[in-house]
């Protein structure tokens, strides 16, 4: 799912490039299999399991296949909750979603009895307290579900360890869901900024490559010649479907109920198609060569975003001949 933040229009003669904060996010779900399933089940129950390979080494996190013999790993062995920092770096300004909301260390920790290191956070208090060779132990999360975050972090190993309940808390863990988030500021090129500002005026603007003379929408460095596009070229808000896809599978964040069509539309006057939504006809009626026109949203809602065009719909024109768009598939 992509949460879109409209770029801000600056109406000046020499306007700077547009910029906006963007947030990309989705929930990554995967099945675990027999080895990682046992590992995550162990974490939920406050136990750490390592995989013993043919050479006798114990790997934490466990490997599913022996790197030397390529055979499936079948032997998992418990290791203690204590270990040693082998390498580290310090984070002064934690980001949203990181294990701690205060400065902490990212470290490779080799648990006692293991031959490999586990990457995790260390709540050392201060940078001066963090060091290679530091002895640490696991601080378990209060609520655990069978995930690497069941280890809340590591902390300095001082004093006796807390008493843990060794009871098994439920069924084996077979899958995990991990939220993936990326927040950043996107700054457009001067050419893209002009394209986006034209959209805010209800216009579609391309740029022509000075070498091959192809018109690109949106403007970009020409992929064929490797030079920036320069000459601005207005293009029409109608065009031809070159290829398309019928979306039948529902997914998180979907705005329409399937089935519906997303197509590559070659705008009149352009030499590269743009992807967009096709509404109006039944999905079985959409075809290559179909002529379509943009359906714009209300002008009062326009801003510097391609979402000013709600979708494309068929026109009453005859289909374009294949030869007219075969070079643009």
C-alpha atoms as a PDB file:
ATOM      1  CA  UNK A   1       0.000   0.000   0.000  1.00  0.00           C
ATOM      2  CA  UNK A   2       1.302   3.456  -0.884  1.00  0.00           C
ATOM      3  CA  UNK A   3       0.067   6.426   1.075  1.00  0.00           C
ATOM      4  CA  UNK A   4       0.295   9.360  -1.334  1.00  0.00           C
ATOM      5  CA  UNK A   5       1.026  12.905  -0.190  1.00  0.00           C
ATOM      6  CA  UNK A   6       0.382  15.476  -2.914  1.00  0.00           C
ATOM      7  CA  UNK A   7       3.346  17.593  -3.935  1.00  0.00           C
ATOM      8  CA  UNK A   8       3.056  21.266  -3.061  1.00  0.00           C
ATOM      9  CA  UNK A   9       2.565  23.713  -5.939  1.00  0.00           C
ATOM     10  CA  UNK A  10       4.769  26.774  -5.855  1.00  0.00           C
ATOM     11  CA  UNK A  11       3.485  29.397  -8.312  1.00  0.00           C
ATOM     12  CA  UNK A  12       6.550  31.472  -9.126  1.00  0.00           C
ATOM     13  CA  UNK A  13       8.387  32.226 -12.359  1.00  0.00           C
ATOM     14  CA  UNK A  14      11.497  30.328 -11.245  1.00  0.00           C
ATOM     15  CA  UNK A  15       9.896  27.805  -8.932  1.00  0.00           C
ATOM     16  CA  UNK A  16      12.233  25.321  -7.236  1.00  0.00           C
ATOM     17  CA  UNK A  17      11.741  21.575  -7.742  1.00  0.00           C
ATOM     18  CA  UNK A  18       8.783  20.069  -5.913  1.00  0.00           C
ATOM     19  CA  UNK A  19       9.299  17.912  -2.847  1.00  0.00           C
ATOM     20  CA  UNK A  20       7.030  15.944  -0.561  1.00  0.00           C
ATOM     21  CA  UNK A  21       7.233  13.406   2.254  1.00  0.00           C
ATOM     22  CA  UNK A  22       6.211   9.929   1.144  1.00  0.00           C
ATOM     23  CA  UNK A  23       5.377   6.848   3.178  1.00  0.00           C
ATOM     24  CA  UNK A  24       5.509   3.396   1.598  1.00  0.00           C
ATOM     25  CA  UNK A  25       4.250   0.487   3.650  1.00  0.00           C
ATOM     26  CA  UNK A  26       2.996  -3.079   3.428  1.00  0.00           C
ATOM     27  CA  UNK A  27       2.702  -6.113   5.679  1.00  0.00           C
ATOM     28  CA  UNK A  28       5.065  -8.883   4.611  1.00  0.00           C
ATOM     29  CA  UNK A  29       3.632 -12.325   5.379  1.00  0.00           C
ATOM     30  CA  UNK A  30       5.565 -15.558   4.995  1.00  0.00           C
ATOM     31  CA  UNK A  31       5.292 -19.195   5.992  1.00  0.00           C
ATOM     32  CA  UNK A  32       8.181 -20.503   8.051  1.00  0.00           C
ATOM     33  CA  UNK A  33       8.728 -24.177   7.374  1.00  0.00           C
ATOM     34  CA  UNK A  34       9.925 -26.757   9.917  1.00  0.00           C
ATOM     35  CA  UNK A  35      13.199 -25.120  11.000  1.00  0.00           C
ATOM     36  CA  UNK A  36      12.284 -21.441  11.326  1.00  0.00           C
ATOM     37  CA  UNK A  37       8.866 -22.487  12.634  1.00  0.00           C
ATOM     38  CA  UNK A  38      10.522 -24.256  15.583  1.00  0.00           C
ATOM     39  CA  UNK A  39      12.859 -21.288  16.085  1.00  0.00           C
ATOM     40  CA  UNK A  40       9.993 -18.779  16.248  1.00  0.00           C
ATOM     41  CA  UNK A  41       7.930 -21.091  18.449  1.00  0.00           C
ATOM     42  CA  UNK A  42      10.894 -21.245  20.798  1.00  0.00           C
ATOM     43  CA  UNK A  43      11.175 -17.448  20.931  1.00  0.00           C
ATOM     44  CA  UNK A  44       7.485 -17.199  21.797  1.00  0.00           C
ATOM     45  CA  UNK A  45       8.179 -19.558  24.720  1.00  0.00           C
ATOM     46  CA  UNK A  46      11.419 -17.715  25.670  1.00  0.00           C
ATOM     47  CA  UNK A  47      13.768 -20.355  24.341  1.00  0.00           C
ATOM     48  CA  UNK A  48      16.497 -19.914  21.725  1.00  0.00           C
ATOM     49  CA  UNK A  49      17.236 -22.779  19.346  1.00  0.00           C
ATOM     50  CA  UNK A  50      20.249 -23.059  17.094  1.00  0.00           C
ATOM     51  CA  UNK A  51      20.842 -25.385  14.140  1.00  0.00           C
ATOM     52  CA  UNK A  52      23.730 -27.850  14.371  1.00  0.00           C
ATOM     53  CA  UNK A  53      25.306 -28.532  10.980  1.00  0.00           C
ATOM     54  CA  UNK A  54      27.465 -31.455   9.855  1.00  0.00           C
ATOM     55  CA  UNK A  55      30.693 -29.728  10.944  1.00  0.00           C
ATOM     56  CA  UNK A  56      29.375 -29.415  14.520  1.00  0.00           C
ATOM     57  CA  UNK A  57      28.827 -25.648  14.353  1.00  0.00           C
ATOM     58  CA  UNK A  58      25.694 -24.180  15.915  1.00  0.00           C
ATOM     59  CA  UNK A  59      24.013 -21.404  13.891  1.00  0.00           C
ATOM     60  CA  UNK A  60      21.743 -18.808  15.529  1.00  0.00           C
ATOM     61  CA  UNK A  61      19.439 -17.918  13.830  1.00  0.00           C
ATOM     62  CA  UNK A  62      19.189 -21.483  12.496  1.00  0.00           C
ATOM     63  CA  UNK A  63      19.855 -22.395   8.890  1.00  0.00           C
ATOM     64  CA  UNK A  64      17.394 -24.490   6.932  1.00  0.00           C
ATOM     65  CA  UNK A  65      20.128 -26.157   4.871  1.00  0.00           C
ATOM     66  CA  UNK A  66      23.706 -27.099   5.727  1.00  0.00           C
ATOM     67  CA  UNK A  67      25.998 -24.699   3.788  1.00  0.00           C
ATOM     68  CA  UNK A  68      28.627 -27.450   3.314  1.00  0.00           C
ATOM     69  CA  UNK A  69      26.531 -30.529   2.521  1.00  0.00           C
ATOM     70  CA  UNK A  70      23.357 -28.751   1.325  1.00  0.00           C
ATOM     71  CA  UNK A  71      21.342 -31.295   3.292  1.00  0.00           C
ATOM     72  CA  UNK A  72      18.274 -30.154   5.247  1.00  0.00           C
ATOM     73  CA  UNK A  73      19.042 -29.228   8.850  1.00  0.00           C
ATOM     74  CA  UNK A  74      17.191 -31.443  11.305  1.00  0.00           C
ATOM     75  CA  UNK A  75      19.007 -31.007  14.622  1.00  0.00           C
ATOM     76  CA  UNK A  76      18.069 -27.951  16.683  1.00  0.00           C
ATOM     77  CA  UNK A  77      19.730 -27.398  20.032  1.00  0.00           C
ATOM     78  CA  UNK A  78      18.940 -24.914  22.824  1.00  0.00           C
ATOM     79  CA  UNK A  79      21.459 -22.183  23.632  1.00  0.00           C
ATOM     80  CA  UNK A  80      21.646 -19.878  26.693  1.00  0.00           C
ATOM     81  CA  UNK A  81      20.113 -16.384  26.793  1.00  0.00           C
ATOM     82  CA  UNK A  82      23.507 -14.793  27.383  1.00  0.00           C
ATOM     83  CA  UNK A  83      26.181 -13.877  24.894  1.00  0.00           C
ATOM     84  CA  UNK A  84      28.996 -11.563  23.783  1.00  0.00           C
ATOM     85  CA  UNK A  85      28.956  -8.500  21.532  1.00  0.00           C
ATOM     86  CA  UNK A  86      31.312  -9.160  18.617  1.00  0.00           C
ATOM     87  CA  UNK A  87      30.675  -5.939  16.670  1.00  0.00           C
ATOM     88  CA  UNK A  88      28.406  -2.912  17.044  1.00  0.00           C
ATOM     89  CA  UNK A  89      27.346   0.534  15.893  1.00  0.00           C
ATOM     90  CA  UNK A  90      25.473   3.254  17.753  1.00  0.00           C
ATOM     91  CA  UNK A  91      22.128   4.858  16.907  1.00  0.00           C
ATOM     92  CA  UNK A  92      21.675   8.347  18.364  1.00  0.00           C
ATOM     93  CA  UNK A  93      18.279   9.040  16.767  1.00  0.00           C
ATOM     94  CA  UNK A  94      16.080   5.941  16.607  1.00  0.00           C
ATOM     95  CA  UNK A  95      13.526   5.771  13.824  1.00  0.00           C
ATOM     96  CA  UNK A  96       9.889   4.858  14.179  1.00  0.00           C
ATOM     97  CA  UNK A  97       9.469   1.104  14.395  1.00  0.00           C
ATOM     98  CA  UNK A  98      12.945   0.376  15.725  1.00  0.00           C
ATOM     99  CA  UNK A  99      13.253  -1.736  18.893  1.00  0.00           C
ATOM    100  CA  UNK A 100      13.913   1.196  21.246  1.00  0.00           C
ATOM    101  CA  UNK A 101      12.795   4.836  21.333  1.00  0.00           C
ATOM    102  CA  UNK A 102      16.049   6.056  22.905  1.00  0.00           C
ATOM    103  CA  UNK A 103      19.691   5.854  21.759  1.00  0.00           C
ATOM    104  CA  UNK A 104      20.888   2.254  21.531  1.00  0.00           C
ATOM    105  CA  UNK A 105      23.406   0.011  19.866  1.00  0.00           C
ATOM    106  CA  UNK A 106      22.920  -2.312  16.924  1.00  0.00           C
ATOM    107  CA  UNK A 107      25.147  -5.287  17.609  1.00  0.00           C
ATOM    108  CA  UNK A 108      26.148  -8.712  16.449  1.00  0.00           C
ATOM    109  CA  UNK A 109      25.711 -10.921  19.513  1.00  0.00           C
ATOM    110  CA  UNK A 110      27.145 -14.448  19.666  1.00  0.00           C
ATOM    111  CA  UNK A 111      25.081 -16.337  22.177  1.00  0.00           C
ATOM    112  CA  UNK A 112      26.929 -18.748  24.461  1.00  0.00           C
ATOM    113  CA  UNK A 113      27.062 -22.123  22.758  1.00  0.00           C
ATOM    114  CA  UNK A 114      26.584 -20.639  19.292  1.00  0.00           C
ATOM    115  CA  UNK A 115      29.195 -20.219  16.572  1.00  0.00           C
ATOM    116  CA  UNK A 116      27.487 -17.419  14.667  1.00  0.00           C
ATOM    117  CA  UNK A 117      26.189 -13.999  15.673  1.00  0.00           C
ATOM    118  CA  UNK A 118      22.638 -12.651  15.865  1.00  0.00           C
ATOM    119  CA  UNK A 119      21.883  -9.053  14.871  1.00  0.00           C
ATOM    120  CA  UNK A 120      19.778  -7.195  17.436  1.00  0.00           C
ATOM    121  CA  UNK A 121      19.495  -4.055  19.557  1.00  0.00           C
ATOM    122  CA  UNK A 122      21.424  -3.554  22.788  1.00  0.00           C
ATOM    123  CA  UNK A 123      20.047  -1.224  25.450  1.00  0.00           C
ATOM    124  CA  UNK A 124      23.426  -0.148  26.763  1.00  0.00           C
ATOM    125  CA  UNK A 125      22.297   3.215  28.161  1.00  0.00           C
ATOM    126  CA  UNK A 126      25.112   5.306  26.683  1.00  0.00           C
ATOM    127  CA  UNK A 127      27.510   5.046  23.791  1.00  0.00           C
ATOM    128  CA  UNK A 128      30.400   4.969  26.249  1.00  0.00           C
ATOM    129  CA  UNK A 129      28.969   1.816  27.826  1.00  0.00           C
ATOM    130  CA  UNK A 130      28.827  -0.023  24.498  1.00  0.00           C
ATOM    131  CA  UNK A 131      31.892  -2.049  23.578  1.00  0.00           C
ATOM    132  CA  UNK A 132      33.109  -5.128  21.745  1.00  0.00           C
ATOM    133  CA  UNK A 133      33.367  -8.064  24.144  1.00  0.00           C
ATOM    134  CA  UNK A 134      30.496  -6.747  26.268  1.00  0.00           C
ATOM    135  CA  UNK A 135      28.497  -9.470  27.995  1.00  0.00           C
ATOM    136  CA  UNK A 136      24.759  -9.207  27.368  1.00  0.00           C
ATOM    137  CA  UNK A 137      21.571 -11.179  27.891  1.00  0.00           C
ATOM    138  CA  UNK A 138      18.140 -11.265  26.295  1.00  0.00           C
ATOM    139  CA  UNK A 139      15.365  -9.001  27.539  1.00  0.00           C
ATOM    140  CA  UNK A 140      12.157 -10.717  26.510  1.00  0.00           C
ATOM    141  CA  UNK A 141       9.100  -8.848  25.304  1.00  0.00           C
ATOM    142  CA  UNK A 142       6.131  -8.875  27.666  1.00  0.00           C
ATOM    143  CA  UNK A 143       3.824 -10.041  24.860  1.00  0.00           C
ATOM    144  CA  UNK A 144       5.214 -12.657  22.475  1.00  0.00           C
ATOM    145  CA  UNK A 145       3.758 -14.190  19.344  1.00  0.00           C
ATOM    146  CA  UNK A 146       6.559 -16.109  17.639  1.00  0.00           C
ATOM    147  CA  UNK A 147       8.663 -13.392  16.010  1.00  0.00           C
ATOM    148  CA  UNK A 148      12.208 -12.038  16.265  1.00  0.00           C
ATOM    149  CA  UNK A 149      10.691  -9.090  18.155  1.00  0.00           C
ATOM    150  CA  UNK A 150       9.889 -11.513  20.994  1.00  0.00           C
ATOM    151  CA  UNK A 151      13.451 -10.573  21.899  1.00  0.00           C
ATOM    152  CA  UNK A 152      12.765  -6.986  22.910  1.00  0.00           C
ATOM    153  CA  UNK A 153      16.507  -6.270  22.941  1.00  0.00           C
ATOM    154  CA  UNK A 154      19.702  -7.296  24.683  1.00  0.00           C
ATOM    155  CA  UNK A 155      20.874  -5.649  27.907  1.00  0.00           C
ATOM    156  CA  UNK A 156      24.132  -5.734  29.905  1.00  0.00           C
ATOM    157  CA  UNK A 157      24.493  -9.051  31.742  1.00  0.00           C
ATOM    158  CA  UNK A 158      24.619  -7.846  35.342  1.00  0.00           C
ATOM    159  CA  UNK A 159      23.404  -9.869  38.293  1.00  0.00           C
ATOM    160  CA  UNK A 160      21.338 -13.040  38.282  1.00  0.00           C
ATOM    161  CA  UNK A 161      19.062 -13.642  35.305  1.00  0.00           C
ATOM    162  CA  UNK A 162      15.307 -13.355  35.812  1.00  0.00           C
ATOM    163  CA  UNK A 163      13.302 -16.516  36.496  1.00  0.00           C
ATOM    164  CA  UNK A 164      11.502 -17.705  33.371  1.00  0.00           C
ATOM    165  CA  UNK A 165       8.448 -19.889  33.009  1.00  0.00           C
ATOM    166  CA  UNK A 166       9.316 -22.805  30.713  1.00  0.00           C
ATOM    167  CA  UNK A 167       5.762 -23.760  29.858  1.00  0.00           C
ATOM    168  CA  UNK A 168       4.776 -23.967  26.186  1.00  0.00           C
ATOM    169  CA  UNK A 169       2.127 -21.346  25.499  1.00  0.00           C
ATOM    170  CA  UNK A 170       0.307 -22.620  22.424  1.00  0.00           C
ATOM    171  CA  UNK A 171       0.370 -24.254  19.014  1.00  0.00           C
ATOM    172  CA  UNK A 172       3.506 -24.266  16.860  1.00  0.00           C
ATOM    173  CA  UNK A 173       4.176 -21.031  14.949  1.00  0.00           C
ATOM    174  CA  UNK A 174       3.846 -21.605  11.205  1.00  0.00           C
ATOM    175  CA  UNK A 175       3.972 -18.063   9.784  1.00  0.00           C
ATOM    176  CA  UNK A 176       4.826 -14.472  10.615  1.00  0.00           C
ATOM    177  CA  UNK A 177       3.671 -11.045   9.474  1.00  0.00           C
ATOM    178  CA  UNK A 178       6.200  -8.206   9.489  1.00  0.00           C
ATOM    179  CA  UNK A 179       5.176  -4.584   8.807  1.00  0.00           C
ATOM    180  CA  UNK A 180       7.528  -2.957   6.293  1.00  0.00           C
ATOM    181  CA  UNK A 181       7.660   0.841   6.336  1.00  0.00           C
ATOM    182  CA  UNK A 182       9.807   3.369   4.494  1.00  0.00           C
ATOM    183  CA  UNK A 183       9.417   7.110   5.038  1.00  0.00           C
ATOM    184  CA  UNK A 184      11.424   9.542   2.936  1.00  0.00           C
ATOM    185  CA  UNK A 185      11.295  12.882   1.154  1.00  0.00           C
ATOM    186  CA  UNK A 186      11.063  12.720  -2.628  1.00  0.00           C
ATOM    187  CA  UNK A 187      12.457  15.682  -4.562  1.00  0.00           C
ATOM    188  CA  UNK A 188      11.592  15.838  -8.243  1.00  0.00           C
ATOM    189  CA  UNK A 189      13.780  16.935 -11.109  1.00  0.00           C
ATOM    190  CA  UNK A 190      13.073  20.276 -12.743  1.00  0.00           C
ATOM    191  CA  UNK A 191      11.542  18.429 -15.725  1.00  0.00           C
ATOM    192  CA  UNK A 192       9.276  16.297 -13.541  1.00  0.00           C
ATOM    193  CA  UNK A 193       8.267  19.394 -11.572  1.00  0.00           C
ATOM    194  CA  UNK A 194       7.067  21.076 -14.762  1.00  0.00           C
ATOM    195  CA  UNK A 195       5.106  17.942 -15.658  1.00  0.00           C
ATOM    196  CA  UNK A 196       3.432  17.869 -12.228  1.00  0.00           C
ATOM    197  CA  UNK A 197       2.640  21.586 -12.279  1.00  0.00           C
ATOM    198  CA  UNK A 198       1.017  21.120 -15.690  1.00  0.00           C
ATOM    199  CA  UNK A 199      -1.160  18.368 -14.202  1.00  0.00           C
ATOM    200  CA  UNK A 200      -2.377  20.879 -11.620  1.00  0.00           C
ATOM    201  CA  UNK A 201      -3.626  22.931 -14.590  1.00  0.00           C
ATOM    202  CA  UNK A 202      -5.297  19.975 -16.286  1.00  0.00           C
ATOM    203  CA  UNK A 203      -2.574  19.543 -18.915  1.00  0.00           C
ATOM    204  CA  UNK A 204      -0.389  16.592 -19.889  1.00  0.00           C
ATOM    205  CA  UNK A 205       3.160  17.586 -20.744  1.00  0.00           C
ATOM    206  CA  UNK A 206       5.918  15.448 -22.239  1.00  0.00           C
ATOM    207  CA  UNK A 207       9.477  16.174 -23.267  1.00  0.00           C
ATOM    208  CA  UNK A 208      11.308  15.230 -26.464  1.00  0.00           C
ATOM    209  CA  UNK A 209      14.717  13.591 -26.551  1.00  0.00           C
ATOM    210  CA  UNK A 210      17.094  15.745 -28.634  1.00  0.00           C
ATOM    211  CA  UNK A 211      18.753  12.622 -30.070  1.00  0.00           C
ATOM    212  CA  UNK A 212      16.031  10.104 -30.978  1.00  0.00           C
ATOM    213  CA  UNK A 213      13.168  12.654 -30.954  1.00  0.00           C
ATOM    214  CA  UNK A 214      10.938  10.397 -28.838  1.00  0.00           C
ATOM    215  CA  UNK A 215       8.485  12.059 -26.451  1.00  0.00           C
ATOM    216  CA  UNK A 216       8.451  10.805 -22.883  1.00  0.00           C
ATOM    217  CA  UNK A 217       5.576  11.206 -20.410  1.00  0.00           C
ATOM    218  CA  UNK A 218       6.507  11.780 -17.626  1.00  0.00           C
ATOM    219  CA  UNK A 219       9.810  13.416 -18.699  1.00  0.00           C
ATOM    220  CA  UNK A 220      12.980  11.488 -17.927  1.00  0.00           C
ATOM    221  CA  UNK A 221      16.491  10.858 -19.150  1.00  0.00           C
ATOM    222  CA  UNK A 222      16.083   9.065 -22.459  1.00  0.00           C
ATOM    223  CA  UNK A 223      16.732   5.352 -21.779  1.00  0.00           C
ATOM    224  CA  UNK A 224      17.868   4.824 -25.375  1.00  0.00           C
ATOM    225  CA  UNK A 225      20.369   7.685 -25.667  1.00  0.00           C
ATOM    226  CA  UNK A 226      21.175   8.484 -22.034  1.00  0.00           C
ATOM    227  CA  UNK A 227      20.577  12.221 -22.438  1.00  0.00           C
ATOM    228  CA  UNK A 228      18.055  14.477 -20.670  1.00  0.00           C
ATOM    229  CA  UNK A 229      14.886  15.355 -22.527  1.00  0.00           C
ATOM    230  CA  UNK A 230      14.600  19.067 -23.264  1.00  0.00           C
ATOM    231  CA  UNK A 231      11.840  20.247 -25.607  1.00  0.00           C
ATOM    232  CA  UNK A 232       8.417  20.405 -23.924  1.00  0.00           C
ATOM    233  CA  UNK A 233       5.623  18.785 -25.938  1.00  0.00           C
ATOM    234  CA  UNK A 234       1.917  18.908 -25.013  1.00  0.00           C
ATOM    235  CA  UNK A 235       0.202  15.535 -25.408  1.00  0.00           C
ATOM    236  CA  UNK A 236      -3.498  14.679 -25.543  1.00  0.00           C
ATOM    237  CA  UNK A 237      -5.411  13.135 -22.673  1.00  0.00           C
ATOM    238  CA  UNK A 238      -6.549  10.250 -24.850  1.00  0.00           C
ATOM    239  CA  UNK A 239      -4.703   7.346 -26.335  1.00  0.00           C
ATOM    240  CA  UNK A 240      -4.502   3.640 -27.114  1.00  0.00           C
ATOM    241  CA  UNK A 241      -4.347   0.603 -24.827  1.00  0.00           C
ATOM    242  CA  UNK A 242      -1.190  -1.306 -25.729  1.00  0.00           C
ATOM    243  CA  UNK A 243      -1.310  -4.032 -23.051  1.00  0.00           C
ATOM    244  CA  UNK A 244      -3.466  -4.616 -19.992  1.00  0.00           C
ATOM    245  CA  UNK A 245      -3.981  -6.772 -16.930  1.00  0.00           C
ATOM    246  CA  UNK A 246      -7.225  -7.924 -15.302  1.00  0.00           C
ATOM    247  CA  UNK A 247      -6.816  -7.724 -11.512  1.00  0.00           C
ATOM    248  CA  UNK A 248      -8.720 -10.611  -9.946  1.00  0.00           C
ATOM    249  CA  UNK A 249      -6.874 -11.021  -6.639  1.00  0.00           C
ATOM    250  CA  UNK A 250      -7.782  -8.860  -3.617  1.00  0.00           C
ATOM    251  CA  UNK A 251      -4.938  -7.341  -1.575  1.00  0.00           C
ATOM    252  CA  UNK A 252      -4.470  -5.005   1.380  1.00  0.00           C
ATOM    253  CA  UNK A 253      -5.154  -1.347   0.586  1.00  0.00           C
ATOM    254  CA  UNK A 254      -7.049  -2.126  -2.625  1.00  0.00           C
ATOM    255  CA  UNK A 255      -9.375   0.746  -3.591  1.00  0.00           C
ATOM    256  CA  UNK A 256     -11.624  -1.190  -5.964  1.00  0.00           C
ATOM    257  CA  UNK A 257     -13.309  -4.556  -5.707  1.00  0.00           C
ATOM    258  CA  UNK A 258     -11.900  -6.956  -8.316  1.00  0.00           C
ATOM    259  CA  UNK A 259     -12.124  -7.677 -11.116  1.00  0.00           C
ATOM    260  CA  UNK A 260     -10.916  -4.488 -12.797  1.00  0.00           C
ATOM    261  CA  UNK A 261      -8.399  -3.540 -15.482  1.00  0.00           C
ATOM    262  CA  UNK A 262      -5.068  -1.735 -15.281  1.00  0.00           C
ATOM    263  CA  UNK A 263      -3.650  -0.940 -18.710  1.00  0.00           C
ATOM    264  CA  UNK A 264      -0.694   0.676 -20.421  1.00  0.00           C
ATOM    265  CA  UNK A 265      -2.084   3.700 -22.293  1.00  0.00           C
ATOM    266  CA  UNK A 266      -0.055   5.231 -25.125  1.00  0.00           C
ATOM    267  CA  UNK A 267      -1.164   8.863 -25.114  1.00  0.00           C
ATOM    268  CA  UNK A 268      -1.510  10.570 -28.479  1.00  0.00           C
ATOM    269  CA  UNK A 269       1.757  12.388 -29.101  1.00  0.00           C
ATOM    270  CA  UNK A 270       3.810  10.243 -26.693  1.00  0.00           C
ATOM    271  CA  UNK A 271       6.263   7.431 -27.389  1.00  0.00           C
ATOM    272  CA  UNK A 272       5.970   5.576 -24.101  1.00  0.00           C
ATOM    273  CA  UNK A 273       2.737   4.373 -22.396  1.00  0.00           C
ATOM    274  CA  UNK A 274       1.616   5.213 -18.880  1.00  0.00           C
ATOM    275  CA  UNK A 275      -0.153   2.756 -16.548  1.00  0.00           C
ATOM    276  CA  UNK A 276      -3.678   3.657 -15.458  1.00  0.00           C
ATOM    277  CA  UNK A 277      -7.055   2.320 -14.449  1.00  0.00           C
ATOM    278  CA  UNK A 278      -9.684   1.496 -17.110  1.00  0.00           C
ATOM    279  CA  UNK A 279     -13.325   1.770 -16.046  1.00  0.00           C
ATOM    280  CA  UNK A 280     -16.571   1.581 -17.960  1.00  0.00           C
ATOM    281  CA  UNK A 281     -16.520  -1.579 -20.051  1.00  0.00           C
ATOM    282  CA  UNK A 282     -16.692  -5.124 -18.715  1.00  0.00           C
ATOM    283  CA  UNK A 283     -13.238  -6.598 -18.188  1.00  0.00           C
ATOM    284  CA  UNK A 284     -13.929  -9.055 -21.018  1.00  0.00           C
ATOM    285  CA  UNK A 285     -14.407  -6.142 -23.433  1.00  0.00           C
ATOM    286  CA  UNK A 286     -11.058  -4.450 -22.807  1.00  0.00           C
ATOM    287  CA  UNK A 287      -8.579  -5.182 -25.579  1.00  0.00           C
ATOM    288  CA  UNK A 288      -5.313  -4.099 -27.128  1.00  0.00           C
ATOM    289  CA  UNK A 289      -5.810  -1.190 -29.503  1.00  0.00           C
ATOM    290  CA  UNK A 290      -8.896   0.125 -27.674  1.00  0.00           C
ATOM    291  CA  UNK A 291      -9.094   3.915 -27.790  1.00  0.00           C
ATOM    292  CA  UNK A 292      -9.583   5.558 -24.388  1.00  0.00           C
ATOM    293  CA  UNK A 293      -9.833   9.055 -22.899  1.00  0.00           C
ATOM    294  CA  UNK A 294      -8.931  10.429 -19.486  1.00  0.00           C
ATOM    295  CA  UNK A 295     -11.651  11.128 -16.952  1.00  0.00           C
ATOM    296  CA  UNK A 296     -10.434  14.045 -14.847  1.00  0.00           C
ATOM    297  CA  UNK A 297     -11.496  14.662 -11.280  1.00  0.00           C
ATOM    298  CA  UNK A 298     -13.199  17.920 -10.308  1.00  0.00           C
ATOM    299  CA  UNK A 299     -10.792  20.848 -10.946  1.00  0.00           C
ATOM    300  CA  UNK A 300     -11.250  22.043  -7.364  1.00  0.00           C
ATOM    301  CA  UNK A 301      -9.474  18.871  -6.221  1.00  0.00           C
ATOM    302  CA  UNK A 302      -6.507  19.122  -8.602  1.00  0.00           C
ATOM    303  CA  UNK A 303      -2.986  19.303  -7.242  1.00  0.00           C
ATOM    304  CA  UNK A 304       0.432  18.315  -8.533  1.00  0.00           C
ATOM    305  CA  UNK A 305      -0.309  14.585  -8.788  1.00  0.00           C
ATOM    306  CA  UNK A 306      -1.249  12.072 -11.519  1.00  0.00           C
ATOM    307  CA  UNK A 307      -4.287  11.246  -9.372  1.00  0.00           C
ATOM    308  CA  UNK A 308      -5.961  14.271 -11.012  1.00  0.00           C
ATOM    309  CA  UNK A 309      -6.953  11.717 -13.640  1.00  0.00           C
ATOM    310  CA  UNK A 310      -9.418   9.364 -11.966  1.00  0.00           C
ATOM    311  CA  UNK A 311      -9.318   6.740 -14.733  1.00  0.00           C
ATOM    312  CA  UNK A 312      -9.589   6.220 -18.474  1.00  0.00           C
ATOM    313  CA  UNK A 313     -12.773   5.178 -20.303  1.00  0.00           C
ATOM    314  CA  UNK A 314     -13.381   3.941 -23.871  1.00  0.00           C
ATOM    315  CA  UNK A 315     -14.187   6.420 -26.638  1.00  0.00           C
ATOM    316  CA  UNK A 316     -16.387   5.806 -29.674  1.00  0.00           C
ATOM    317  CA  UNK A 317     -13.363   5.711 -31.984  1.00  0.00           C
ATOM    318  CA  UNK A 318     -12.413   2.583 -33.952  1.00  0.00           C
ATOM    319  CA  UNK A 319      -9.591   0.507 -32.482  1.00  0.00           C
ATOM    320  CA  UNK A 320      -6.095   1.617 -33.421  1.00  0.00           C
ATOM    321  CA  UNK A 321      -4.339  -0.737 -35.874  1.00  0.00           C
ATOM    322  CA  UNK A 322      -1.669  -2.913 -34.297  1.00  0.00           C
ATOM    323  CA  UNK A 323       1.016  -1.385 -36.495  1.00  0.00           C
ATOM    324  CA  UNK A 324       0.421   2.022 -34.869  1.00  0.00           C
ATOM    325  CA  UNK A 325       1.535   0.859 -31.440  1.00  0.00           C
ATOM    326  CA  UNK A 326       3.548  -2.317 -31.979  1.00  0.00           C
ATOM    327  CA  UNK A 327       6.806  -0.449 -31.280  1.00  0.00           C
ATOM    328  CA  UNK A 328       5.490   0.692 -27.885  1.00  0.00           C
ATOM    329  CA  UNK A 329       4.589  -2.624 -26.233  1.00  0.00           C
END
